Structure formats: structure tokens, C-alpha cells
C-alpha atoms as a PDB file:
ATOM      1  CA  MET A   1       5.332  -0.734 -29.335  1.00  0.00           C
ATOM      2  CA  ALA A   2       2.842  -2.055 -26.956  1.00  0.00           C
ATOM      3  CA  GLY A   3       2.093  -1.157 -23.115  1.00  0.00           C
ATOM      4  CA  GLN A   4       3.503  -3.162 -19.956  1.00  0.00           C
ATOM      5  CA  SER A   5       2.007  -6.320 -19.223  1.00  0.00           C
ATOM      6  CA  HIS A   6       2.752  -8.306 -16.345  1.00  0.00           C
ATOM      7  CA  TYR A   7       1.401 -12.178 -16.065  1.00  0.00           C
ATOM      8  CA  THR A   8       0.529 -13.891 -13.020  1.00  0.00           C
ATOM      9  CA  LEU A   9       1.021 -17.834 -13.048  1.00  0.00           C
ATOM     10  CA  PRO A  10      -2.520 -19.569 -11.748  1.00  0.00           C
ATOM     11  CA  LEU A  11      -2.577 -20.542  -8.468  1.00  0.00           C
ATOM     12  CA  PRO A  12      -1.142 -24.119  -7.544  1.00  0.00           C
ATOM     13  CA  THR A  13      -3.687 -26.859  -7.013  1.00  0.00           C
ATOM     14  CA  PHE A  14      -3.295 -29.547  -3.704  1.00  0.00           C
ATOM     15  CA  ASP A  15      -4.275 -32.783  -2.791  1.00  0.00           C
ATOM     16  CA  ALA A  16      -3.070 -32.367   1.028  1.00  0.00           C
ATOM     17  CA  PRO A  17      -4.090 -29.854   2.992  1.00  0.00           C
ATOM     18  CA  VAL A  18      -1.703 -26.657   3.249  1.00  0.00           C
ATOM     19  CA  ASN A  19      -1.250 -24.680   6.511  1.00  0.00           C
ATOM     20  CA  VAL A  20       0.459 -21.146   6.036  1.00  0.00           C
ATOM     21  CA  LEU A  21       1.955 -18.734   8.851  1.00  0.00           C
ATOM     22  CA  ILE A  22       1.927 -14.941   7.704  1.00  0.00           C
ATOM     23  CA  VAL A  23       4.101 -12.883   9.882  1.00  0.00           C
ATOM     24  CA  VAL A  24       3.313  -9.269   9.599  1.00  0.00           C
ATOM     25  CA  ALA A  25       5.006  -6.494  11.133  1.00  0.00           C
ATOM     26  CA  PRO A  26       2.390  -3.572  11.307  1.00  0.00           C
ATOM     27  CA  TYR A  27       4.338  -0.408  11.930  1.00  0.00           C
ATOM     28  CA  TYR A  28       2.122   0.891   9.223  1.00  0.00           C
ATOM     29  CA  LYS A  29      -1.264  -0.947  10.407  1.00  0.00           C
ATOM     30  CA  ASP A  30      -3.698   0.026   8.008  1.00  0.00           C
ATOM     31  CA  ILE A  31      -1.311  -0.574   5.045  1.00  0.00           C
ATOM     32  CA  ALA A  32      -0.313  -3.627   6.887  1.00  0.00           C
ATOM     33  CA  ASP A  33      -4.429  -4.645   7.381  1.00  0.00           C
ATOM     34  CA  GLY A  34      -4.245  -4.378   3.309  1.00  0.00           C
ATOM     35  CA  LEU A  35      -1.312  -6.688   3.288  1.00  0.00           C
ATOM     36  CA  ILE A  36      -2.729  -9.039   5.517  1.00  0.00           C
ATOM     37  CA  SER A  37      -6.830  -8.827   3.229  1.00  0.00           C
ATOM     38  CA  GLY A  38      -4.915  -9.560   0.318  1.00  0.00           C
ATOM     39  CA  ALA A  39      -2.944 -12.583   1.388  1.00  0.00           C
ATOM     40  CA  ILE A  40      -5.670 -14.563   3.308  1.00  0.00           C
ATOM     41  CA  ALA A  41      -8.121 -14.142   0.140  1.00  0.00           C
ATOM     42  CA  GLU A  42      -5.304 -15.798  -2.011  1.00  0.00           C
ATOM     43  CA  LEU A  43      -4.824 -18.427   0.733  1.00  0.00           C
ATOM     44  CA  GLU A  44      -8.264 -19.106   0.870  1.00  0.00           C
ATOM     45  CA  LYS A  45      -8.570 -19.450  -2.903  1.00  0.00           C
ATOM     46  CA  ALA A  46      -6.420 -22.402  -2.637  1.00  0.00           C
ATOM     47  CA  GLY A  47      -7.994 -23.657   0.029  1.00  0.00           C
ATOM     48  CA  ALA A  48      -5.101 -23.338   2.508  1.00  0.00           C
ATOM     49  CA  THR A  49      -5.922 -22.268   5.856  1.00  0.00           C
ATOM     50  CA  HIS A  50      -3.494 -19.423   7.823  1.00  0.00           C
ATOM     51  CA  GLU A  51      -2.398 -17.905  10.938  1.00  0.00           C
ATOM     52  CA  VAL A  52      -1.237 -14.683  11.502  1.00  0.00           C
ATOM     53  CA  VAL A  53       1.158 -13.391  14.094  1.00  0.00           C
ATOM     54  CA  GLU A  54       2.482  -9.881  14.905  1.00  0.00           C
ATOM     55  CA  MET A  55       6.001  -9.136  15.355  1.00  0.00           C
ATOM     56  CA  PRO A  56       7.338  -5.623  16.042  1.00  0.00           C
ATOM     57  CA  GLY A  57       9.312  -4.333  12.501  1.00  0.00           C
ATOM     58  CA  ALA A  58      10.684  -5.734   9.435  1.00  0.00           C
ATOM     59  CA  LEU A  59      13.855  -6.786  10.865  1.00  0.00           C
ATOM     60  CA  GLU A  60      12.071  -9.402  13.521  1.00  0.00           C
ATOM     61  CA  VAL A  61       9.340 -11.277  10.901  1.00  0.00           C
ATOM     62  CA  PRO A  62      12.542 -13.366   9.564  1.00  0.00           C
ATOM     63  CA  THR A  63      13.333 -14.775  12.919  1.00  0.00           C
ATOM     64  CA  ALA A  64      10.025 -15.304  13.796  1.00  0.00           C
ATOM     65  CA  ILE A  65       9.711 -17.061  10.617  1.00  0.00           C
ATOM     66  CA  ARG A  66      12.809 -19.137  11.835  1.00  0.00           C
ATOM     67  CA  ILE A  67      11.499 -19.847  14.809  1.00  0.00           C
ATOM     68  CA  ALA A  68       8.204 -21.134  13.644  1.00  0.00           C
ATOM     69  CA  SER A  69      10.066 -23.439  10.999  1.00  0.00           C
ATOM     70  CA  GLY A  70      11.342 -25.535  13.346  1.00  0.00           C
ATOM     71  CA  GLU A  71       8.719 -25.859  16.028  1.00  0.00           C
ATOM     72  CA  ALA A  72       5.554 -25.804  14.331  1.00  0.00           C
ATOM     73  CA  GLU A  73       3.673 -27.425  11.065  1.00  0.00           C
ATOM     74  CA  PHE A  74       3.714 -25.122   8.511  1.00  0.00           C
ATOM     75  CA  ASP A  75       3.950 -25.118   4.784  1.00  0.00           C
ATOM     76  CA  GLY A  76       5.101 -22.082   4.084  1.00  0.00           C
ATOM     77  CA  PHE A  77       4.935 -18.398   5.430  1.00  0.00           C
ATOM     78  CA  VAL A  78       4.112 -15.232   4.220  1.00  0.00           C
ATOM     79  CA  ALA A  79       6.526 -12.371   5.166  1.00  0.00           C
ATOM     80  CA  LEU A  80       4.348  -8.749   5.310  1.00  0.00           C
ATOM     81  CA  GLY A  81       5.185  -5.361   6.253  1.00  0.00           C
ATOM     82  CA  CYS A  82       5.978  -2.003   5.149  1.00  0.00           C
ATOM     83  CA  VAL A  83       9.555   0.191   5.023  1.00  0.00           C
ATOM     84  CA  ILE A  84       9.253   4.160   4.004  1.00  0.00           C
ATOM     85  CA  ARG A  85      12.388   5.719   3.574  1.00  0.00           C
ATOM     86  CA  GLY A  86      13.171   8.218   6.179  1.00  0.00           C
ATOM     87  CA  GLU A  87      16.093  10.914   7.187  1.00  0.00           C
ATOM     88  CA  THR A  88      18.429   8.107   8.122  1.00  0.00           C
ATOM     89  CA  THR A  89      20.010   4.888   6.921  1.00  0.00           C
ATOM     90  CA  HIS A  90      18.042   2.790   8.543  1.00  0.00           C
ATOM     91  CA  TYR A  91      16.149   2.254   6.098  1.00  0.00           C
ATOM     92  CA  ASP A  92      18.632   0.325   4.370  1.00  0.00           C
ATOM     93  CA  THR A  93      19.676  -1.634   6.773  1.00  0.00           C
ATOM     94  CA  VAL A  94      15.847  -2.508   7.351  1.00  0.00           C
ATOM     95  CA  CYS A  95      15.045  -3.167   3.683  1.00  0.00           C
ATOM     96  CA  ASN A  96      18.508  -5.593   2.932  1.00  0.00           C
ATOM     97  CA  ASP A  97      18.780  -7.535   6.486  1.00  0.00           C
ATOM     98  CA  SER A  98      15.179  -8.455   6.474  1.00  0.00           C
ATOM     99  CA  SER A  99      15.159  -9.117   2.458  1.00  0.00           C
ATOM    100  CA  ARG A 100      18.550 -10.853   2.988  1.00  0.00           C
ATOM    101  CA  ALA A 101      17.543 -13.128   5.745  1.00  0.00           C
ATOM    102  CA  LEU A 102      14.306 -13.934   4.310  1.00  0.00           C
ATOM    103  CA  GLN A 103      16.371 -15.137   0.905  1.00  0.00           C
ATOM    104  CA  LEU A 104      18.769 -17.191   3.064  1.00  0.00           C
ATOM    105  CA  LEU A 105      15.805 -18.872   5.199  1.00  0.00           C
ATOM    106  CA  GLY A 106      14.111 -19.685   1.541  1.00  0.00           C
ATOM    107  CA  LEU A 107      17.769 -20.865   0.276  1.00  0.00           C
ATOM    108  CA  ASN A 108      17.781 -23.389   3.349  1.00  0.00           C
ATOM    109  CA  GLY A 109      14.677 -25.030   2.683  1.00  0.00           C
ATOM    110  CA  ALA A 110      11.984 -22.429   4.048  1.00  0.00           C
ATOM    111  CA  CYS A 111       8.799 -21.396   1.382  1.00  0.00           C
ATOM    112  CA  ILE A 112       8.453 -18.062   1.858  1.00  0.00           C
ATOM    113  CA  GLY A 113       6.345 -15.161  -0.091  1.00  0.00           C
ATOM    114  CA  ASN A 114       8.191 -11.779   0.450  1.00  0.00           C
ATOM    115  CA  GLY A 115       5.645  -9.527   0.825  1.00  0.00           C
ATOM    116  CA  ILE A 116       7.289  -6.344   3.196  1.00  0.00           C
ATOM    117  CA  LEU A 117       7.221  -3.222   0.788  1.00  0.00           C
ATOM    118  CA  THR A 118      10.385  -1.053   0.713  1.00  0.00           C
ATOM    119  CA  VAL A 119       8.611   2.707  -0.789  1.00  0.00           C
ATOM    120  CA  GLU A 120       9.845   5.998  -1.117  1.00  0.00           C
ATOM    121  CA  THR A 121       6.113   7.067   0.069  1.00  0.00           C
ATOM    122  CA  TYR A 122       3.321   6.294   1.954  1.00  0.00           C
ATOM    123  CA  ASP A 123       1.271   6.583  -1.193  1.00  0.00           C
ATOM    124  CA  GLN A 124       3.636   4.535  -3.194  1.00  0.00           C
ATOM    125  CA  ALA A 125       3.198   1.916   0.033  1.00  0.00           C
ATOM    126  CA  ALA A 126      -0.753   2.347  -0.208  1.00  0.00           C
ATOM    127  CA  VAL A 127      -0.925   1.237  -3.739  1.00  0.00           C
ATOM    128  CA  ARG A 128       0.927  -1.922  -3.263  1.00  0.00           C
ATOM    129  CA  ALA A 129      -1.304  -2.760  -0.579  1.00  0.00           C
ATOM    130  CA  ASP A 130      -4.399  -2.410  -1.407  1.00  0.00           C
ATOM    131  CA  PRO A 131      -6.186  -5.742  -2.597  1.00  0.00           C
ATOM    132  CA  LYS A 132      -7.553  -4.471  -5.270  1.00  0.00           C
ATOM    133  CA  ALA A 133      -4.713  -2.211  -6.782  1.00  0.00           C
ATOM    134  CA  GLN A 134      -1.350  -4.006  -6.709  1.00  0.00           C
ATOM    135  CA  ASN A 135      -2.672  -6.465  -3.918  1.00  0.00           C
ATOM    136  CA  LYS A 136       1.519  -7.278  -2.976  1.00  0.00           C
ATOM    137  CA  GLY A 137      -0.028  -9.190   0.239  1.00  0.00           C
ATOM    138  CA  GLY A 138      -1.348 -11.841  -2.229  1.00  0.00           C
ATOM    139  CA  GLY A 139       1.297 -12.337  -4.361  1.00  0.00           C
ATOM    140  CA  ALA A 140       3.558 -12.564  -1.488  1.00  0.00           C
ATOM    141  CA  ALA A 141       0.795 -15.286  -0.650  1.00  0.00           C
ATOM    142  CA  ALA A 142       0.949 -17.083  -4.095  1.00  0.00           C
ATOM    143  CA  ALA A 143       4.809 -17.134  -3.906  1.00  0.00           C
ATOM    144  CA  ALA A 144       4.841 -18.950  -0.982  1.00  0.00           C
ATOM    145  CA  LEU A 145       1.918 -21.241  -2.624  1.00  0.00           C
ATOM    146  CA  HIS A 146       4.202 -21.876  -5.789  1.00  0.00           C
ATOM    147  CA  LEU A 147       7.076 -22.569  -3.496  1.00  0.00           C
ATOM    148  CA  ILE A 148       5.242 -25.231  -1.387  1.00  0.00           C
ATOM    149  CA  ALA A 149       4.008 -27.189  -4.599  1.00  0.00           C
ATOM    150  CA  LEU A 150       7.182 -26.853  -6.036  1.00  0.00           C
ATOM    151  CA  THR A 151       8.598 -29.040  -2.950  1.00  0.00           C
ATOM    152  CA  ARG A 152       6.027 -31.080  -2.477  1.00  0.00           C
ATOM    153  CA  ARG A 153       6.430 -31.806  -6.323  1.00  0.00           C
ATOM    154  CA  TYR A 154      10.221 -32.460  -5.684  1.00  0.00           C
ATOM    155  CA  GLY A 155      10.736 -33.617  -2.203  1.00  0.00           C
ATOM    156  CA  ALA A 156      12.845 -31.253   0.369  1.00  0.00           C
ATOM    157  CA  SER A 157      16.570 -31.611  -0.538  1.00  0.00           C
ATOM    158  CA  SER A 158      18.653 -33.922   1.354  1.00  0.00           C
ATOM    159  CA  LYS A 159      21.560 -33.115  -0.967  1.00  0.00           C
ATOM    160  CA  PRO A 160      24.137 -30.667   0.526  1.00  0.00           C
ATOM    161  CA  ILE A 161      24.710 -27.671  -1.673  1.00  0.00           C
ATOM    162  CA  GLY A 162      28.153 -26.541  -2.395  1.00  0.00           C
ATOM    163  CA  PHE A 163      31.894 -28.024  -2.292  1.00  0.00           C
ATOM    164  CA  ALA A 164      31.886 -31.170  -1.050  1.00  0.00           C
ATOM    165  CA  PRO A 165      34.277 -31.560   2.065  1.00  0.00           C
ATOM    166  CA  THR A 166      37.978 -33.460   1.286  1.00  0.00           C
END
């Protein structure tokens, strides 16, 4: 049996400039710095410009993206942060609610790469955040870039989703 293999899509190319907002919760500053470094490197490979804003925690990241998506000229967003399991159920709330909110924003048309780590230990986070290891920040940036490219290819949908009123 062959070993595990992970395929990474090549980065999309763009005819027009791309501007991305990186929203990070730097609660674990060194983890966040690794995620940011990986994200910026990936965006720069694609020729995208970026801005970085910090939020107090992972729960505020989706709200910040929602505010910026309505008020600023960003093509996409990269959500970064780290939630490490503790002794209470707060971990589950933060992981589920931040992820759900980002998904809902995406389903409403925002191009978001989710790089909020949800891990059991600090060591797991360190490996995932390291640009020379798993580079989850870079992966989140690449996801945002692919969604931007798809949106540019097919255009923002103005068709309603769901059931039509009677």
C-alpha cells in the first residue's frame, strides 16, 4: 500500500490586481506570526496585495470579515488564529461558531480561506503554523485565491439560493 499523498493545486493566475485582507486573532502570538508569514508568502507568489488586521479572538474574526466585506475593496479574506483545547467546553463553542460563521459568509459570496487552527496541543499548532512544515496559513491564502479566481470566472451570482416564494 502506498503512503499518504497530499495534492496541492497550482495557484491561480490573475489578469487584474487582487487585494486580500488577512484577519488574525494573535492570542498565541508566535503561532499567529507563522500563519501570517505563510499566508503573505502565498499571496505574494500570486502577485496579490494584502493588509493585516488583528482581532482579540477567533470569534471576532468572522465579524471583522463581514464588516470589511461591506465597507472596503477586498477581493478575498484569510482568517487566521489558533484555538487549543482546554478544560472547558469553550473550545467547542469557539471552534464551531467561528467555523460556522466563516462558512455562512462564504456561502453568501465572500471568498474566505479558513486558517483558524483547532488543535489539541500547542505542539500540533506549531507544526501546522510553521511555513516550512504544514503551512496552514499559506493553505488558507491559497484557498482564498482559488475562490477569488472562481468568482472572477463565473461572476458573483445574483440568483437566489433556496426556495422561490410563492
